[in-house]
PDB file of all heavy atoms in Angstrom:
ATOM      1  N   GLY A   1     -54.714  26.372  35.630  1.00  0.00           N
ATOM      2  CA  GLY A   1     -55.555  25.716  34.625  1.00  0.00           C
ATOM      3  C   GLY A   1     -54.641  25.046  33.615  1.00  0.00           C
ATOM      4  O   GLY A   1     -53.779  24.250  33.977  1.00  0.00           O
ATOM      5  N   ASP A   2     -54.783  25.421  32.331  1.00  0.00           N
ATOM      6  CA  ASP A   2     -53.942  24.848  31.274  1.00  0.00           C
ATOM      7  C   ASP A   2     -52.726  25.712  30.972  1.00  0.00           C
ATOM      8  O   ASP A   2     -51.974  25.424  30.034  1.00  0.00           O
ATOM      9  CB  ASP A   2     -54.758  24.687  29.984  1.00  0.00           C
ATOM     10  CG  ASP A   2     -55.824  23.609  30.124  1.00  0.00           C
ATOM     11  OD1 ASP A   2     -55.641  22.692  30.947  1.00  0.00           O
ATOM     12  OD2 ASP A   2     -56.840  23.691  29.403  1.00  0.00           O
ATOM     13  N   THR A   3     -52.536  26.776  31.732  1.00  0.00           N
ATOM     14  CA  THR A   3     -51.439  27.701  31.462  1.00  0.00           C
ATOM     15  C   THR A   3     -50.230  27.367  32.331  1.00  0.00           C
ATOM     16  O   THR A   3     -50.349  27.231  33.552  1.00  0.00           O
ATOM     17  CB  THR A   3     -51.886  29.155  31.719  1.00  0.00           C
ATOM     18  OG1 THR A   3     -53.023  29.436  30.889  1.00  0.00           O
ATOM     19  CG2 THR A   3     -50.779  30.143  31.409  1.00  0.00           C
ATOM     20  N   LEU A   4     -49.088  27.253  31.677  1.00  0.00           N
ATOM     21  CA  LEU A   4     -47.822  27.049  32.374  1.00  0.00           C
ATOM     22  C   LEU A   4     -47.318  28.428  32.813  1.00  0.00           C
ATOM     23  O   LEU A   4     -47.210  29.335  31.998  1.00  0.00           O
ATOM     24  CB  LEU A   4     -46.824  26.387  31.431  1.00  0.00           C
ATOM     25  CG  LEU A   4     -45.478  25.969  31.990  1.00  0.00           C
ATOM     26  CD1 LEU A   4     -45.627  24.952  33.127  1.00  0.00           C
ATOM     27  CD2 LEU A   4     -44.616  25.372  30.882  1.00  0.00           C
ATOM     28  N   VAL A   5     -47.063  28.574  34.107  1.00  0.00           N
ATOM     29  CA  VAL A   5     -46.715  29.882  34.651  1.00  0.00           C
ATOM     30  C   VAL A   5     -45.330  29.833  35.295  1.00  0.00           C
ATOM     31  O   VAL A   5     -45.057  28.977  36.139  1.00  0.00           O
ATOM     32  CB  VAL A   5     -47.752  30.340  35.712  1.00  0.00           C
ATOM     33  CG1 VAL A   5     -47.457  31.750  36.182  1.00  0.00           C
ATOM     34  CG2 VAL A   5     -49.172  30.252  35.155  1.00  0.00           C
ATOM     35  N   PHE A   6     -44.473  30.752  34.870  1.00  0.00           N
ATOM     36  CA  PHE A   6     -43.140  30.909  35.444  1.00  0.00           C
ATOM     37  C   PHE A   6     -43.201  32.134  36.354  1.00  0.00           C
ATOM     38  O   PHE A   6     -43.580  33.221  35.908  1.00  0.00           O
ATOM     39  CB  PHE A   6     -42.103  31.099  34.329  1.00  0.00           C
ATOM     40  CG  PHE A   6     -42.057  29.926  33.388  1.00  0.00           C
ATOM     41  CD1 PHE A   6     -42.782  29.938  32.208  1.00  0.00           C
ATOM     42  CD2 PHE A   6     -41.311  28.802  33.695  1.00  0.00           C
ATOM     43  CE1 PHE A   6     -42.761  28.854  31.335  1.00  0.00           C
ATOM     44  CE2 PHE A   6     -41.282  27.704  32.829  1.00  0.00           C
ATOM     45  CZ  PHE A   6     -42.006  27.729  31.656  1.00  0.00           C
ATOM     46  N   VAL A   7     -42.854  31.950  37.622  1.00  0.00           N
ATOM     47  CA  VAL A   7     -43.055  33.011  38.610  1.00  0.00           C
ATOM     48  C   VAL A   7     -41.728  33.441  39.230  1.00  0.00           C
ATOM     49  O   VAL A   7     -40.967  32.614  39.730  1.00  0.00           O
ATOM     50  CB  VAL A   7     -44.003  32.539  39.736  1.00  0.00           C
ATOM     51  CG1 VAL A   7     -44.302  33.674  40.704  1.00  0.00           C
ATOM     52  CG2 VAL A   7     -45.304  31.960  39.166  1.00  0.00           C
ATOM     53  N   GLU A   8     -41.489  34.743  39.202  1.00  0.00           N
ATOM     54  CA  GLU A   8     -40.334  35.339  39.875  1.00  0.00           C
ATOM     55  C   GLU A   8     -40.833  35.947  41.183  1.00  0.00           C
ATOM     56  O   GLU A   8     -41.837  36.663  41.204  1.00  0.00           O
ATOM     57  CB  GLU A   8     -39.706  36.413  38.989  1.00  0.00           C
ATOM     58  CG  GLU A   8     -38.574  37.179  39.629  1.00  0.00           C
ATOM     59  CD  GLU A   8     -37.326  36.351  39.920  1.00  0.00           C
ATOM     60  OE1 GLU A   8     -37.239  35.184  39.473  1.00  0.00           O
ATOM     61  OE2 GLU A   8     -36.433  36.876  40.591  1.00  0.00           O
ATOM     62  N   VAL A   9     -40.141  35.655  42.275  1.00  0.00           N
ATOM     63  CA  VAL A   9     -40.523  36.159  43.595  1.00  0.00           C
ATOM     64  C   VAL A   9     -39.445  37.115  44.090  1.00  0.00           C
ATOM     65  O   VAL A   9     -38.259  36.787  44.061  1.00  0.00           O
ATOM     66  CB  VAL A   9     -40.687  35.003  44.610  1.00  0.00           C
ATOM     67  CG1 VAL A   9     -41.070  35.536  45.989  1.00  0.00           C
ATOM     68  CG2 VAL A   9     -41.715  33.990  44.114  1.00  0.00           C
ATOM     69  N   LYS A  10     -39.873  38.292  44.527  1.00  0.00           N
ATOM     70  CA  LYS A  10     -38.945  39.275  45.102  1.00  0.00           C
ATOM     71  C   LYS A  10     -39.481  39.729  46.450  1.00  0.00           C
ATOM     72  O   LYS A  10     -40.679  39.963  46.600  1.00  0.00           O
ATOM     73  CB  LYS A  10     -38.791  40.506  44.191  1.00  0.00           C
ATOM     74  CG  LYS A  10     -37.970  40.239  42.960  1.00  0.00           C
ATOM     75  CD  LYS A  10     -36.546  39.971  43.334  1.00  0.00           C
ATOM     76  CE  LYS A  10     -35.699  39.685  42.103  1.00  0.00           C
ATOM     77  NZ  LYS A  10     -34.376  39.236  42.450  1.00  0.00           N
ATOM     78  N   TYR A  11     -38.574  39.877  47.411  1.00  0.00           N
ATOM     79  CA  TYR A  11     -38.953  40.251  48.775  1.00  0.00           C
ATOM     80  C   TYR A  11     -38.193  41.486  49.233  1.00  0.00           C
ATOM     81  O   TYR A  11     -37.007  41.645  48.925  1.00  0.00           O
ATOM     82  CB  TYR A  11     -38.647  39.088  49.731  1.00  0.00           C
ATOM     83  CG  TYR A  11     -38.715  39.470  51.184  1.00  0.00           C
ATOM     84  CD1 TYR A  11     -39.936  39.681  51.807  1.00  0.00           C
ATOM     85  CD2 TYR A  11     -37.556  39.636  51.937  1.00  0.00           C
ATOM     86  CE1 TYR A  11     -40.000  40.058  53.146  1.00  0.00           C
ATOM     87  CE2 TYR A  11     -37.610  40.006  53.273  1.00  0.00           C
ATOM     88  CZ  TYR A  11     -38.845  40.217  53.868  1.00  0.00           C
ATOM     89  OH  TYR A  11     -38.906  40.589  55.180  1.00  0.00           O
ATOM     90  N   ARG A  12     -38.893  42.339  49.946  1.00  0.00           N
ATOM     91  CA  ARG A  12     -38.280  43.471  50.638  1.00  0.00           C
ATOM     92  C   ARG A  12     -38.899  43.538  52.023  1.00  0.00           C
ATOM     93  O   ARG A  12     -40.126  43.399  52.166  1.00  0.00           O
ATOM     94  CB  ARG A  12     -38.541  44.809  49.924  1.00  0.00           C
ATOM     95  CG  ARG A  12     -37.933  44.928  48.550  1.00  0.00           C
ATOM     96  CD  ARG A  12     -36.434  45.155  48.621  1.00  0.00           C
ATOM     97  NE  ARG A  12     -35.857  45.317  47.299  1.00  0.00           N
ATOM     98  CZ  ARG A  12     -35.343  44.336  46.563  1.00  0.00           C
ATOM     99  NH1 ARG A  12     -35.354  43.111  47.017  1.00  0.00           N
ATOM    100  NH2 ARG A  12     -34.820  44.595  45.385  1.00  0.00           N
ATOM    101  N   LYS A  13     -38.070  43.766  53.026  1.00  0.00           N
ATOM    102  CA  LYS A  13     -38.566  43.873  54.398  1.00  0.00           C
ATOM    103  C   LYS A  13     -39.454  45.113  54.535  1.00  0.00           C
ATOM    104  O   LYS A  13     -40.469  45.098  55.206  1.00  0.00           O
ATOM    105  CB  LYS A  13     -37.388  43.935  55.374  1.00  0.00           C
ATOM    106  CG  LYS A  13     -37.806  43.895  56.822  1.00  0.00           C
ATOM    107  CD  LYS A  13     -36.662  43.618  57.781  1.00  0.00           C
ATOM    108  CE  LYS A  13     -35.450  44.477  57.522  1.00  0.00           C
ATOM    109  NZ  LYS A  13     -34.378  44.283  58.492  1.00  0.00           N
ATOM    110  N   SER A  14     -39.047  46.186  53.861  1.00  0.00           N
ATOM    111  CA  SER A  14     -39.813  47.432  53.900  1.00  0.00           C
ATOM    112  C   SER A  14     -39.619  48.151  52.561  1.00  0.00           C
ATOM    113  O   SER A  14     -38.862  47.699  51.714  1.00  0.00           O
ATOM    114  CB  SER A  14     -39.326  48.324  55.041  1.00  0.00           C
ATOM    115  OG  SER A  14     -38.029  48.816  54.742  1.00  0.00           O
ATOM    116  N   GLY A  15     -40.264  49.294  52.423  1.00  0.00           N
ATOM    117  CA  GLY A  15     -40.158  50.058  51.190  1.00  0.00           C
ATOM    118  C   GLY A  15     -38.876  50.861  51.077  1.00  0.00           C
ATOM    119  O   GLY A  15     -38.639  51.525  50.066  1.00  0.00           O
ATOM    120  N   ASP A  16     -38.018  50.795  52.091  1.00  0.00           N
ATOM    121  CA  ASP A  16     -36.771  51.574  52.089  1.00  0.00           C
ATOM    122  C   ASP A  16     -35.899  51.276  50.872  1.00  0.00           C
ATOM    123  O   ASP A  16     -35.249  52.160  50.335  1.00  0.00           O
ATOM    124  CB  ASP A  16     -35.964  51.323  53.364  1.00  0.00           C
ATOM    125  CG  ASP A  16     -36.692  51.804  54.614  1.00  0.00           C
ATOM    126  OD1 ASP A  16     -37.688  52.546  54.470  1.00  0.00           O
ATOM    127  OD2 ASP A  16     -36.270  51.422  55.713  1.00  0.00           O
ATOM    128  N   ALA A  17     -35.886  50.023  50.457  1.00  0.00           N
ATOM    129  CA  ALA A  17     -35.047  49.623  49.324  1.00  0.00           C
ATOM    130  C   ALA A  17     -35.834  49.646  48.011  1.00  0.00           C
ATOM    131  O   ALA A  17     -35.364  49.132  47.002  1.00  0.00           O
ATOM    132  CB  ALA A  17     -34.462  48.236  49.571  1.00  0.00           C
ATOM    133  N   GLY A  18     -37.031  50.222  48.036  1.00  0.00           N
ATOM    134  CA  GLY A  18     -37.845  50.273  46.826  1.00  0.00           C
ATOM    135  C   GLY A  18     -38.840  49.134  46.764  1.00  0.00           C
ATOM    136  O   GLY A  18     -38.831  48.226  47.590  1.00  0.00           O
ATOM    137  N   ASP A  19     -39.697  49.202  45.767  1.00  0.00           N
ATOM    138  CA  ASP A  19     -40.707  48.173  45.551  1.00  0.00           C
ATOM    139  C   ASP A  19     -40.018  46.896  45.085  1.00  0.00           C
ATOM    140  O   ASP A  19     -39.163  46.943  44.197  1.00  0.00           O
ATOM    141  CB  ASP A  19     -41.697  48.673  44.488  1.00  0.00           C
ATOM    142  CG  ASP A  19     -42.861  47.728  44.296  1.00  0.00           C
ATOM    143  OD1 ASP A  19     -42.631  46.558  43.934  1.00  0.00           O
ATOM    144  OD2 ASP A  19     -43.999  48.164  44.491  1.00  0.00           O
ATOM    145  N   PRO A  20     -40.381  45.753  45.672  1.00  0.00           N
ATOM    146  CA  PRO A  20     -39.715  44.506  45.259  1.00  0.00           C
ATOM    147  C   PRO A  20     -39.890  44.195  43.772  1.00  0.00           C
ATOM    148  O   PRO A  20     -38.987  43.655  43.136  1.00  0.00           O
ATOM    149  CB  PRO A  20     -40.359  43.434  46.135  1.00  0.00           C
ATOM    150  CG  PRO A  20     -41.574  44.050  46.717  1.00  0.00           C
ATOM    151  CD  PRO A  20     -41.379  45.525  46.709  1.00  0.00           C
ATOM    152  N   LEU A  21     -41.038  44.572  43.206  1.00  0.00           N
ATOM    153  CA  LEU A  21     -41.283  44.263  41.794  1.00  0.00           C
ATOM    154  C   LEU A  21     -40.370  45.052  40.862  1.00  0.00           C
ATOM    155  O   LEU A  21     -40.086  44.611  39.749  1.00  0.00           O
ATOM    156  CB  LEU A  21     -42.758  44.513  41.450  1.00  0.00           C
ATOM    157  CG  LEU A  21     -43.742  43.581  42.168  1.00  0.00           C
ATOM    158  CD1 LEU A  21     -45.176  44.020  41.916  1.00  0.00           C
ATOM    159  CD2 LEU A  21     -43.537  42.141  41.753  1.00  0.00           C
ATOM    160  N   GLU A  22     -39.881  46.206  41.315  1.00  0.00           N
ATOM    161  CA  GLU A  22     -38.956  47.000  40.495  1.00  0.00           C
ATOM    162  C   GLU A  22     -37.614  46.297  40.311  1.00  0.00           C
ATOM    163  O   GLU A  22     -36.841  46.653  39.426  1.00  0.00           O
ATOM    164  CB  GLU A  22     -38.732  48.373  41.129  1.00  0.00           C
ATOM    165  CG  GLU A  22     -39.952  49.257  41.079  1.00  0.00           C
ATOM    166  CD  GLU A  22     -39.771  50.549  41.868  1.00  0.00           C
ATOM    167  OE1 GLU A  22     -38.733  50.719  42.538  1.00  0.00           O
ATOM    168  OE2 GLU A  22     -40.678  51.391  41.806  1.00  0.00           O
ATOM    169  N   ALA A  23     -37.334  45.307  41.151  1.00  0.00           N
ATOM    170  CA  ALA A  23     -36.065  44.586  41.069  1.00  0.00           C
ATOM    171  C   ALA A  23     -36.048  43.566  39.929  1.00  0.00           C
ATOM    172  O   ALA A  23     -35.019  42.960  39.644  1.00  0.00           O
ATOM    173  CB  ALA A  23     -35.775  43.890  42.405  1.00  0.00           C
ATOM    174  N   ILE A  24     -37.193  43.384  39.269  1.00  0.00           N
ATOM    175  CA  ILE A  24     -37.244  42.443  38.144  1.00  0.00           C
ATOM    176  C   ILE A  24     -36.932  43.231  36.877  1.00  0.00           C
ATOM    177  O   ILE A  24     -37.813  43.672  36.149  1.00  0.00           O
ATOM    178  CB  ILE A  24     -38.609  41.726  38.074  1.00  0.00           C
ATOM    179  CG1 ILE A  24     -38.925  41.056  39.423  1.00  0.00           C
ATOM    180  CG2 ILE A  24     -38.593  40.684  36.956  1.00  0.00           C
ATOM    181  CD1 ILE A  24     -40.326  40.491  39.515  1.00  0.00           C
ATOM    182  N   THR A  25     -35.655  43.422  36.653  1.00  0.00           N
ATOM    183  CA  THR A  25     -35.164  44.238  35.545  1.00  0.00           C
ATOM    184  C   THR A  25     -35.339  43.511  34.206  1.00  0.00           C
ATOM    185  O   THR A  25     -35.598  42.302  34.168  1.00  0.00           O
ATOM    186  CB  THR A  25     -33.674  44.549  35.740  1.00  0.00           C
ATOM    187  OG1 THR A  25     -32.955  43.297  35.711  1.00  0.00           O
ATOM    188  CG2 THR A  25     -33.417  45.275  37.061  1.00  0.00           C
ATOM    189  N   LEU A  26     -35.141  44.251  33.129  1.00  0.00           N
ATOM    190  CA  LEU A  26     -35.221  43.672  31.792  1.00  0.00           C
ATOM    191  C   LEU A  26     -34.200  42.541  31.640  1.00  0.00           C
ATOM    192  O   LEU A  26     -34.500  41.492  31.074  1.00  0.00           O
ATOM    193  CB  LEU A  26     -34.995  44.760  30.739  1.00  0.00           C
ATOM    194  CG  LEU A  26     -35.198  44.346  29.291  1.00  0.00           C
ATOM    195  CD1 LEU A  26     -36.615  43.808  29.060  1.00  0.00           C
ATOM    196  CD2 LEU A  26     -34.927  45.512  28.370  1.00  0.00           C
ATOM    197  N   ASN A  27     -33.008  42.745  32.161  1.00  0.00           N
ATOM    198  CA  ASN A  27     -31.972  41.713  32.101  1.00  0.00           C
ATOM    199  C   ASN A  27     -32.423  40.452  32.852  1.00  0.00           C
ATOM    200  O   ASN A  27     -32.236  39.332  32.378  1.00  0.00           O
ATOM    201  CB  ASN A  27     -30.660  42.263  32.669  1.00  0.00           C
ATOM    202  CG  ASN A  27     -29.484  41.420  32.270  1.00  0.00           C
ATOM    203  OD1 ASN A  27     -29.488  40.783  31.222  1.00  0.00           O
ATOM    204  ND2 ASN A  27     -28.468  41.401  33.119  1.00  0.00           N
ATOM    205  N   LYS A  28     -33.026  40.638  34.017  1.00  0.00           N
ATOM    206  CA  LYS A  28     -33.538  39.513  34.811  1.00  0.00           C
ATOM    207  C   LYS A  28     -34.654  38.803  34.037  1.00  0.00           C
ATOM    208  O   LYS A  28     -34.709  37.571  33.997  1.00  0.00           O
ATOM    209  CB  LYS A  28     -34.049  40.036  36.164  1.00  0.00           C
ATOM    210  CG  LYS A  28     -34.630  38.992  37.061  1.00  0.00           C
ATOM    211  CD  LYS A  28     -33.538  38.227  37.746  1.00  0.00           C
ATOM    212  CE  LYS A  28     -34.124  37.293  38.791  1.00  0.00           C
ATOM    213  NZ  LYS A  28     -33.131  36.363  39.260  1.00  0.00           N
ATOM    214  N   GLN A  29     -35.521  39.578  33.408  1.00  0.00           N
ATOM    215  CA  GLN A  29     -36.610  38.997  32.610  1.00  0.00           C
ATOM    216  C   GLN A  29     -36.054  38.135  31.485  1.00  0.00           C
ATOM    217  O   GLN A  29     -36.548  37.027  31.237  1.00  0.00           O
ATOM    218  CB  GLN A  29     -37.498  40.099  32.034  1.00  0.00           C
ATOM    219  CG  GLN A  29     -38.281  40.860  33.070  1.00  0.00           C
ATOM    220  CD  GLN A  29     -38.981  42.075  32.491  1.00  0.00           C
ATOM    221  OE1 GLN A  29     -39.271  42.144  31.299  1.00  0.00           O
ATOM    222  NE2 GLN A  29     -39.244  43.060  33.334  1.00  0.00           N
ATOM    223  N   ARG A  30     -35.022  38.627  30.817  1.00  0.00           N
ATOM    224  CA  ARG A  30     -34.393  37.854  29.731  1.00  0.00           C
ATOM    225  C   ARG A  30     -33.844  36.529  30.248  1.00  0.00           C
ATOM    226  O   ARG A  30     -33.999  35.489  29.601  1.00  0.00           O
ATOM    227  CB  ARG A  30     -33.257  38.655  29.095  1.00  0.00           C
ATOM    228  CG  ARG A  30     -33.723  39.661  28.099  1.00  0.00           C
ATOM    229  CD  ARG A  30     -32.545  40.191  27.258  1.00  0.00           C
ATOM    230  NE  ARG A  30     -33.054  41.205  26.359  1.00  0.00           N
ATOM    231  CZ  ARG A  30     -32.916  42.522  26.577  1.00  0.00           C
ATOM    232  NH1 ARG A  30     -32.252  42.962  27.624  1.00  0.00           N
ATOM    233  NH2 ARG A  30     -33.425  43.381  25.730  1.00  0.00           N
ATOM    234  N   ARG A  31     -33.179  36.572  31.399  1.00  0.00           N
ATOM    235  CA  ARG A  31     -32.614  35.341  31.981  1.00  0.00           C
ATOM    236  C   ARG A  31     -33.724  34.356  32.368  1.00  0.00           C
ATOM    237  O   ARG A  31     -33.587  33.150  32.148  1.00  0.00           O
ATOM    238  CB  ARG A  31     -31.728  35.667  33.178  1.00  0.00           C
ATOM    239  CG  ARG A  31     -30.395  36.293  32.782  1.00  0.00           C
ATOM    240  CD  ARG A  31     -29.343  36.238  33.873  1.00  0.00           C
ATOM    241  NE  ARG A  31     -29.799  36.700  35.164  1.00  0.00           N
ATOM    242  CZ  ARG A  31     -29.770  37.970  35.587  1.00  0.00           C
ATOM    243  NH1 ARG A  31     -29.306  38.912  34.799  1.00  0.00           N
ATOM    244  NH2 ARG A  31     -30.187  38.289  36.794  1.00  0.00           N
ATOM    245  N   ILE A  32     -34.808  34.861  32.908  1.00  0.00           N
ATOM    246  CA  ILE A  32     -35.935  33.994  33.274  1.00  0.00           C
ATOM    247  C   ILE A  32     -36.523  33.358  32.013  1.00  0.00           C
ATOM    248  O   ILE A  32     -36.823  32.157  31.996  1.00  0.00           O
ATOM    249  CB  ILE A  32     -37.014  34.799  34.043  1.00  0.00           C
ATOM    250  CG1 ILE A  32     -36.474  35.222  35.413  1.00  0.00           C
ATOM    251  CG2 ILE A  32     -38.301  33.984  34.194  1.00  0.00           C
ATOM    252  CD1 ILE A  32     -37.305  36.284  36.115  1.00  0.00           C
ATOM    253  N   CYS A  33     -36.669  34.126  30.948  1.00  0.00           N
ATOM    254  CA  CYS A  33     -37.211  33.606  29.688  1.00  0.00           C
ATOM    255  C   CYS A  33     -36.304  32.521  29.106  1.00  0.00           C
ATOM    256  O   CYS A  33     -36.786  31.502  28.604  1.00  0.00           O
ATOM    257  CB  CYS A  33     -37.424  34.735  28.691  1.00  0.00           C
ATOM    258  SG  CYS A  33     -38.789  35.834  29.146  1.00  0.00           S
ATOM    259  N   LYS A  34     -34.990  32.736  29.186  1.00  0.00           N
ATOM    260  CA  LYS A  34     -34.042  31.714  28.708  1.00  0.00           C
ATOM    261  C   LYS A  34     -34.181  30.433  29.518  1.00  0.00           C
ATOM    262  O   LYS A  34     -34.196  29.332  28.964  1.00  0.00           O
ATOM    263  CB  LYS A  34     -32.603  32.234  28.831  1.00  0.00           C
ATOM    264  CG  LYS A  34     -32.055  32.784  27.565  1.00  0.00           C
ATOM    265  CD  LYS A  34     -30.584  33.081  27.717  1.00  0.00           C
ATOM    266  CE  LYS A  34     -30.145  33.929  26.548  1.00  0.00           C
ATOM    267  NZ  LYS A  34     -29.020  34.768  26.819  1.00  0.00           N
ATOM    268  N   ALA A  35     -34.275  30.584  30.830  1.00  0.00           N
ATOM    269  CA  ALA A  35     -34.425  29.415  31.697  1.00  0.00           C
ATOM    270  C   ALA A  35     -35.747  28.700  31.405  1.00  0.00           C
ATOM    271  O   ALA A  35     -35.804  27.466  31.402  1.00  0.00           O
ATOM    272  CB  ALA A  35     -34.353  29.832  33.164  1.00  0.00           C
ATOM    273  N   ALA A  36     -36.795  29.471  31.129  1.00  0.00           N
ATOM    274  CA  ALA A  36     -38.093  28.880  30.793  1.00  0.00           C
ATOM    275  C   ALA A  36     -37.998  28.066  29.511  1.00  0.00           C
ATOM    276  O   ALA A  36     -38.571  26.976  29.407  1.00  0.00           O
ATOM    277  CB  ALA A  36     -39.155  29.978  30.658  1.00  0.00           C
ATOM    278  N   LEU A  37     -37.257  28.581  28.535  1.00  0.00           N
ATOM    279  CA  LEU A  37     -37.071  27.859  27.280  1.00  0.00           C
ATOM    280  C   LEU A  37     -36.312  26.541  27.520  1.00  0.00           C
ATOM    281  O   LEU A  37     -36.685  25.500  26.983  1.00  0.00           O
ATOM    282  CB  LEU A  37     -36.320  28.740  26.276  1.00  0.00           C
ATOM    283  CG  LEU A  37     -36.356  28.298  24.832  1.00  0.00           C
ATOM    284  CD1 LEU A  37     -37.791  28.131  24.328  1.00  0.00           C
ATOM    285  CD2 LEU A  37     -35.609  29.306  23.964  1.00  0.00           C
ATOM    286  N   PHE A  38     -35.274  26.591  28.360  1.00  0.00           N
ATOM    287  CA  PHE A  38     -34.559  25.366  28.726  1.00  0.00           C
ATOM    288  C   PHE A  38     -35.513  24.364  29.376  1.00  0.00           C
ATOM    289  O   PHE A  38     -35.499  23.174  29.059  1.00  0.00           O
ATOM    290  CB  PHE A  38     -33.419  25.677  29.712  1.00  0.00           C
ATOM    291  CG  PHE A  38     -32.114  25.981  29.052  1.00  0.00           C
ATOM    292  CD1 PHE A  38     -31.740  27.291  28.804  1.00  0.00           C
ATOM    293  CD2 PHE A  38     -31.246  24.969  28.687  1.00  0.00           C
ATOM    294  CE1 PHE A  38     -30.536  27.592  28.199  1.00  0.00           C
ATOM    295  CE2 PHE A  38     -30.031  25.248  28.079  1.00  0.00           C
ATOM    296  CZ  PHE A  38     -29.683  26.564  27.835  1.00  0.00           C
ATOM    297  N   TYR A  39     -36.338  24.848  30.293  1.00  0.00           N
ATOM    298  CA  TYR A  39     -37.289  23.979  30.990  1.00  0.00           C
ATOM    299  C   TYR A  39     -38.235  23.313  29.992  1.00  0.00           C
ATOM    300  O   TYR A  39     -38.440  22.098  30.024  1.00  0.00           O
ATOM    301  CB  TYR A  39     -38.089  24.792  32.020  1.00  0.00           C
ATOM    302  CG  TYR A  39     -39.154  23.977  32.710  1.00  0.00           C
ATOM    303  CD1 TYR A  39     -38.840  23.166  33.797  1.00  0.00           C
ATOM    304  CD2 TYR A  39     -40.481  23.995  32.264  1.00  0.00           C
ATOM    305  CE1 TYR A  39     -39.815  22.394  34.416  1.00  0.00           C
ATOM    306  CE2 TYR A  39     -41.457  23.237  32.884  1.00  0.00           C
ATOM    307  CZ  TYR A  39     -41.121  22.435  33.954  1.00  0.00           C
ATOM    308  OH  TYR A  39     -42.083  21.672  34.567  1.00  0.00           O
ATOM    309  N   MET A  40     -38.798  24.116  29.081  1.00  0.00           N
ATOM    310  CA  MET A  40     -39.744  23.563  28.108  1.00  0.00           C
ATOM    311  C   MET A  40     -39.065  22.561  27.176  1.00  0.00           C
ATOM    312  O   MET A  40     -39.646  21.525  26.852  1.00  0.00           O
ATOM    313  CB  MET A  40     -40.428  24.690  27.332  1.00  0.00           C
ATOM    314  CG  MET A  40     -41.402  25.469  28.206  1.00  0.00           C
ATOM    315  SD  MET A  40     -42.323  26.745  27.324  1.00  0.00           S
ATOM    316  CE  MET A  40     -41.066  28.000  27.135  1.00  0.00           C
ATOM    317  N   ASN A  41     -37.832  22.852  26.769  1.00  0.00           N
ATOM    318  CA  ASN A  41     -37.088  21.897  25.935  1.00  0.00           C
ATOM    319  C   ASN A  41     -36.863  20.595  26.697  1.00  0.00           C
ATOM    320  O   ASN A  41     -37.046  19.512  26.154  1.00  0.00           O
ATOM    321  CB  ASN A  41     -35.743  22.479  25.499  1.00  0.00           C
ATOM    322  CG  ASN A  41     -35.887  23.476  24.369  1.00  0.00           C
ATOM    323  OD1 ASN A  41     -36.859  23.450  23.626  1.00  0.00           O
ATOM    324  ND2 ASN A  41     -34.931  24.380  24.260  1.00  0.00           N
ATOM    325  N   GLN A  42     -36.474  20.719  27.946  1.00  0.00           N
ATOM    326  CA  GLN A  42     -36.209  19.548  28.784  1.00  0.00           C
ATOM    327  C   GLN A  42     -37.467  18.696  28.966  1.00  0.00           C
ATOM    328  O   GLN A  42     -37.400  17.468  28.969  1.00  0.00           O
ATOM    329  CB  GLN A  42     -35.692  20.031  30.136  1.00  0.00           C
ATOM    330  CG  GLN A  42     -35.179  18.954  31.040  1.00  0.00           C
ATOM    331  CD  GLN A  42     -34.682  19.540  32.354  1.00  0.00           C
ATOM    332  OE1 GLN A  42     -35.350  20.357  32.971  1.00  0.00           O
ATOM    333  NE2 GLN A  42     -33.498  19.122  32.777  1.00  0.00           N
ATOM    334  N   LYS A  43     -38.612  19.354  29.097  1.00  0.00           N
ATOM    335  CA  LYS A  43     -39.883  18.645  29.337  1.00  0.00           C
ATOM    336  C   LYS A  43     -40.633  18.358  28.042  1.00  0.00           C
ATOM    337  O   LYS A  43     -41.783  17.899  28.075  1.00  0.00           O
ATOM    338  CB  LYS A  43     -40.787  19.474  30.269  1.00  0.00           C
ATOM    339  CG  LYS A  43     -40.171  19.777  31.620  1.00  0.00           C
ATOM    340  CD  LYS A  43     -39.964  18.529  32.437  1.00  0.00           C
ATOM    341  CE  LYS A  43     -39.369  18.866  33.788  1.00  0.00           C
ATOM    342  NZ  LYS A  43     -39.096  17.709  34.595  1.00  0.00           N
ATOM    343  N   LYS A  44     -40.006  18.653  26.908  1.00  0.00           N
ATOM    344  CA  LYS A  44     -40.599  18.410  25.585  1.00  0.00           C
ATOM    345  C   LYS A  44     -41.928  19.166  25.411  1.00  0.00           C
ATOM    346  O   LYS A  44     -42.901  18.635  24.882  1.00  0.00           O
ATOM    347  CB  LYS A  44     -40.807  16.910  25.343  1.00  0.00           C
ATOM    348  CG  LYS A  44     -39.595  16.053  25.627  1.00  0.00           C
ATOM    349  CD  LYS A  44     -38.913  15.642  24.363  1.00  0.00           C
ATOM    350  CE  LYS A  44     -37.765  14.686  24.571  1.00  0.00           C
ATOM    351  NZ  LYS A  44     -36.565  15.247  25.152  1.00  0.00           N
ATOM    352  N   ILE A  45     -41.945  20.411  25.852  1.00  0.00           N
ATOM    353  CA  ILE A  45     -43.118  21.280  25.687  1.00  0.00           C
ATOM    354  C   ILE A  45     -42.801  22.254  24.552  1.00  0.00           C
ATOM    355  O   ILE A  45     -41.789  22.941  24.591  1.00  0.00           O
ATOM    356  CB  ILE A  45     -43.402  22.072  26.985  1.00  0.00           C
ATOM    357  CG1 ILE A  45     -43.736  21.117  28.131  1.00  0.00           C
ATOM    358  CG2 ILE A  45     -44.525  23.082  26.767  1.00  0.00           C
ATOM    359  CD1 ILE A  45     -43.739  21.769  29.498  1.00  0.00           C
ATOM    360  N   ASN A  46     -43.656  22.279  23.552  1.00  0.00           N
ATOM    361  CA  ASN A  46     -43.459  23.202  22.435  1.00  0.00           C
ATOM    362  C   ASN A  46     -43.951  24.585  22.871  1.00  0.00           C
ATOM    363  O   ASN A  46     -45.147  24.764  23.104  1.00  0.00           O
ATOM    364  CB  ASN A  46     -44.232  22.713  21.213  1.00  0.00           C
ATOM    365  CG  ASN A  46     -44.023  23.598  20.005  1.00  0.00           C
ATOM    366  OD1 ASN A  46     -43.694  24.779  20.117  1.00  0.00           O
ATOM    367  ND2 ASN A  46     -44.215  23.022  18.828  1.00  0.00           N
TER     368      ASN A  46
END
């Protein structure tokens, strides 16, 4: 709709290595947020 959505995708073949969503650590979240800010600045989105 009117919402800009930044999506992180994680894959695991099986549950042996844990849930794929658990791999989105706080550090990873921070990096994604920084990249999102760069994107919005580049596209002139406040």
